[in-house]
Amino acid sequence: MRILKYAILGLLRKGELSGYDITSYFKEELGQFWSAKHSQIYPELKKLTDEGFITFRTAIQGTKMEKKMYTLTESGERELAAWMTKKEPIPETVKDEFMLKAYFISALTKEEADDLFADQLQKRKLKLADLENSYDELMASSKEAESFTSPDFGHYLVLTKALERERNYIIWLEHILALIKEA
């Protein structure tokens, strides 16, 4: 299944966007739970156009530079709605390279294990700080973000889940570091 297809359709439901705008969403808001590269997005935009799910107009940026501005078609709206309402099984486990290393931790010395987990803890704390900043910005710009009727409700849902994930990851890392130190 082409999940990227639905991510792009969902973004275009917000309004007209360029390929660059869509790529920016994947680096920012969507990046907390889904990733796509520039090299994946543009071919998918072409497929979606060919399938009739989106259309584009060419806009002039600056004096000569052209860019395509994409919009969702009625067919695209129906396709997105059909996907959104389809019940799916729980997805396979997400690949986490750090957890794979944790599984094989017995191959490390105590010092190496401590260093590995301390590094991950530092990175997770930085990520949590970035997420908290994003949350504060969202709440400052959208007082209604917690309301189901708000256009920012989806962003609120994803952001609060990401915050919970990072907080729990930090608690777990701190617990494991304590176990390593006790050994």
Protein backbone atom coordinates (compact mmCIF):
# COMPACT_ATOMS: atom_id res chain seq x y z
CA MET A 1 0.00 0.00 0.00
CA ARG A 2 1.24 3.47 -0.86
CA ILE A 3 0.83 5.20 2.51
CA LEU A 4 2.72 8.24 1.18
CA LYS A 5 -0.17 8.71 -1.23
CA TYR A 6 -2.58 9.22 1.68
CA ALA A 7 -0.18 11.46 3.60
CA ILE A 8 0.02 13.77 0.61
CA LEU A 9 -3.74 13.69 0.02
CA GLY A 10 -4.26 14.55 3.68
CA LEU A 11 -1.86 17.47 3.50
CA LEU A 12 -3.54 18.80 0.38
CA ARG A 13 -6.87 18.67 2.20
CA LYS A 14 -5.47 21.61 4.20
CA GLY A 15 -5.21 23.63 0.98
CA GLU A 16 -3.02 24.32 -2.02
CA LEU A 17 0.63 23.35 -1.48
CA SER A 18 3.82 23.17 -3.52
CA GLY A 19 6.10 20.14 -3.48
CA TYR A 20 8.45 22.15 -1.29
CA ASP A 21 5.60 22.88 1.17
CA ILE A 22 4.76 19.17 1.35
CA THR A 23 8.42 18.29 1.96
CA SER A 24 8.50 20.87 4.77
CA TYR A 25 5.53 19.22 6.48
CA PHE A 26 7.45 15.92 6.50
CA LYS A 27 10.43 17.65 8.10
CA GLU A 28 8.28 19.33 10.75
CA GLU A 29 4.80 18.23 11.86
CA LEU A 30 4.62 14.82 10.17
CA GLY A 31 8.23 14.08 10.99
CA GLN A 32 7.21 13.01 14.49
CA PHE A 33 5.62 9.85 13.14
CA TRP A 34 6.20 9.55 9.39
CA SER A 35 9.07 10.29 7.06
CA ALA A 36 9.40 10.82 3.33
CA LYS A 37 12.22 12.21 1.30
CA HIS A 38 12.13 14.76 -1.48
CA SER A 39 13.01 11.92 -3.89
CA GLN A 40 9.86 10.02 -2.85
CA ILE A 41 7.45 12.95 -2.72
CA TYR A 42 7.82 14.29 -6.26
CA PRO A 43 7.28 10.93 -8.03
CA GLU A 44 4.22 10.37 -5.81
CA LEU A 45 2.85 13.79 -6.78
CA LYS A 46 3.15 12.76 -10.44
CA LYS A 47 1.34 9.46 -9.78
CA LEU A 48 -1.43 11.23 -7.88
CA THR A 49 -1.84 13.70 -10.73
CA ASP A 50 -1.95 10.87 -13.29
CA GLU A 51 -4.57 9.06 -11.18
CA GLY A 52 -6.73 12.19 -11.01
CA PHE A 53 -6.52 12.54 -7.23
CA ILE A 54 -4.78 15.91 -7.43
CA THR A 55 -4.32 18.71 -9.95
CA PHE A 56 -1.78 21.47 -10.18
CA ARG A 57 -1.36 24.93 -11.54
CA THR A 58 1.94 26.51 -12.46
CA ALA A 59 2.78 29.63 -10.49
CA ILE A 60 5.62 32.05 -11.17
CA GLN A 61 7.90 32.66 -8.21
CA GLY A 62 10.15 35.67 -8.43
CA THR A 63 10.79 36.80 -11.99
CA LYS A 64 11.12 33.52 -13.89
CA MET A 65 11.03 30.50 -11.58
CA GLU A 66 8.00 28.27 -11.97
CA LYS A 67 6.57 26.05 -9.28
CA LYS A 68 3.62 23.69 -9.25
CA MET A 69 0.87 24.33 -6.75
CA TYR A 70 -1.14 21.17 -6.03
CA THR A 71 -4.76 20.84 -4.93
CA LEU A 72 -6.97 17.92 -4.02
CA THR A 73 -9.71 16.85 -6.46
CA GLU A 74 -13.12 15.46 -5.47
CA SER A 75 -11.81 12.03 -6.43
CA GLY A 76 -8.84 12.62 -4.12
CA GLU A 77 -11.20 13.62 -1.29
CA ARG A 78 -13.15 10.36 -1.74
CA GLU A 79 -9.94 8.29 -1.88
CA LEU A 80 -8.68 9.91 1.33
CA ALA A 81 -12.02 9.41 3.10
CA ALA A 82 -12.13 5.73 2.09
CA TRP A 83 -8.65 5.17 3.49
CA MET A 84 -9.35 7.15 6.68
CA THR A 85 -12.42 5.07 7.54
CA LYS A 86 -10.86 1.68 6.74
CA LYS A 87 -10.00 -0.27 9.90
CA GLU A 88 -6.48 -1.72 9.81
CA PRO A 89 -4.68 -4.28 11.99
CA ILE A 90 -1.95 -3.08 14.33
CA PRO A 91 1.11 -2.45 12.15
CA GLU A 92 4.28 -4.50 12.38
CA THR A 93 6.84 -3.36 14.89
CA VAL A 94 8.67 -0.19 13.94
CA LYS A 95 12.38 -0.73 13.34
CA ASP A 96 14.50 0.80 16.08
CA GLU A 97 18.24 0.36 15.63
CA PHE A 98 18.97 1.42 19.20
CA MET A 99 16.67 -1.30 20.56
CA LEU A 100 18.43 -3.86 18.37
CA LYS A 101 21.72 -2.79 19.98
CA ALA A 102 20.08 -3.01 23.41
CA TYR A 103 19.02 -6.57 22.67
CA PHE A 104 22.65 -7.51 22.02
CA ILE A 105 24.05 -5.49 24.94
CA SER A 106 25.91 -8.47 26.38
CA ALA A 107 28.48 -7.95 23.61
CA LEU A 108 29.51 -4.67 25.26
CA THR A 109 31.55 -3.88 28.35
CA LYS A 110 29.81 -2.12 31.21
CA GLU A 111 31.51 1.15 30.21
CA GLU A 112 30.48 0.80 26.56
CA ALA A 113 26.90 0.01 27.56
CA ASP A 114 26.81 2.99 29.92
CA ASP A 115 28.17 5.24 27.16
CA LEU A 116 25.64 3.92 24.62
CA PHE A 117 22.67 4.49 26.93
CA ALA A 118 23.94 7.86 28.20
CA ASP A 119 24.29 9.06 24.59
CA GLN A 120 20.75 7.93 23.77
CA LEU A 121 19.44 9.62 26.93
CA GLN A 122 21.07 12.92 25.95
CA LYS A 123 19.61 12.71 22.43
CA ARG A 124 16.14 11.86 23.73
CA LYS A 125 16.22 14.78 26.15
CA LEU A 126 17.10 17.14 23.29
CA LYS A 127 14.28 15.69 21.21
CA LEU A 128 11.88 16.13 24.12
CA ALA A 129 12.91 19.78 24.46
CA ASP A 130 12.24 20.33 20.74
CA LEU A 131 8.83 18.69 21.06
CA GLU A 132 7.96 20.78 24.12
CA ASN A 133 8.92 23.90 22.16
CA SER A 134 6.68 22.79 19.26
CA TYR A 135 3.85 22.13 21.70
CA ASP A 136 4.22 25.59 23.27
CA GLU A 137 4.20 27.18 19.80
CA LEU A 138 1.10 25.23 18.79
CA MET A 139 -0.77 26.18 21.94
CA ALA A 140 0.25 29.85 21.59
CA SER A 141 -0.90 30.00 17.96
CA SER A 142 -4.07 27.92 18.36
CA LYS A 143 -5.96 28.26 21.62
CA GLU A 144 -8.50 25.74 20.29
CA ALA A 145 -5.94 23.05 19.31
CA GLU A 146 -7.37 20.66 21.94
CA SER A 147 -10.83 20.87 20.36
CA PHE A 148 -11.95 18.20 17.87
CA THR A 149 -13.35 20.97 15.65
CA SER A 150 -9.99 22.76 15.41
CA PRO A 151 -8.02 22.37 12.17
CA ASP A 152 -4.98 21.89 14.46
CA PHE A 153 -6.50 19.00 16.44
CA GLY A 154 -4.61 16.36 14.42
CA HIS A 155 -1.31 18.15 15.03
CA TYR A 156 -2.20 18.34 18.73
CA LEU A 157 -2.89 14.58 18.84
CA VAL A 158 0.37 13.64 17.16
CA LEU A 159 2.44 16.09 19.18
CA THR A 160 1.04 14.97 22.55
CA LYS A 161 1.66 11.32 21.61
CA ALA A 162 5.26 12.15 20.61
CA LEU A 163 5.76 13.96 23.93
CA GLU A 164 4.46 10.95 25.85
CA ARG A 165 6.69 8.59 23.83
CA GLU A 166 9.85 10.62 24.53
CA ARG A 167 9.06 11.09 28.23
CA ASN A 168 8.55 7.35 28.64
CA TYR A 169 11.69 6.56 26.64
CA ILE A 170 13.69 8.86 28.97
CA ILE A 171 12.25 7.19 32.08
CA TRP A 172 13.18 3.77 30.67
CA LEU A 173 16.71 4.91 29.70
CA GLU A 174 17.30 6.35 33.18
CA HIS A 175 16.13 3.07 34.73
CA ILE A 176 18.48 1.01 32.52
CA LEU A 177 21.41 3.32 33.23
CA ALA A 178 20.80 2.79 36.96
CA LEU A 179 20.82 -0.99 36.41
CA ILE A 180 24.08 -0.77 34.46
CA LYS A 181 25.69 1.29 37.22
CA GLU A 182 24.54 -1.23 39.88
CA ALA A 183 26.11 -4.16 37.99
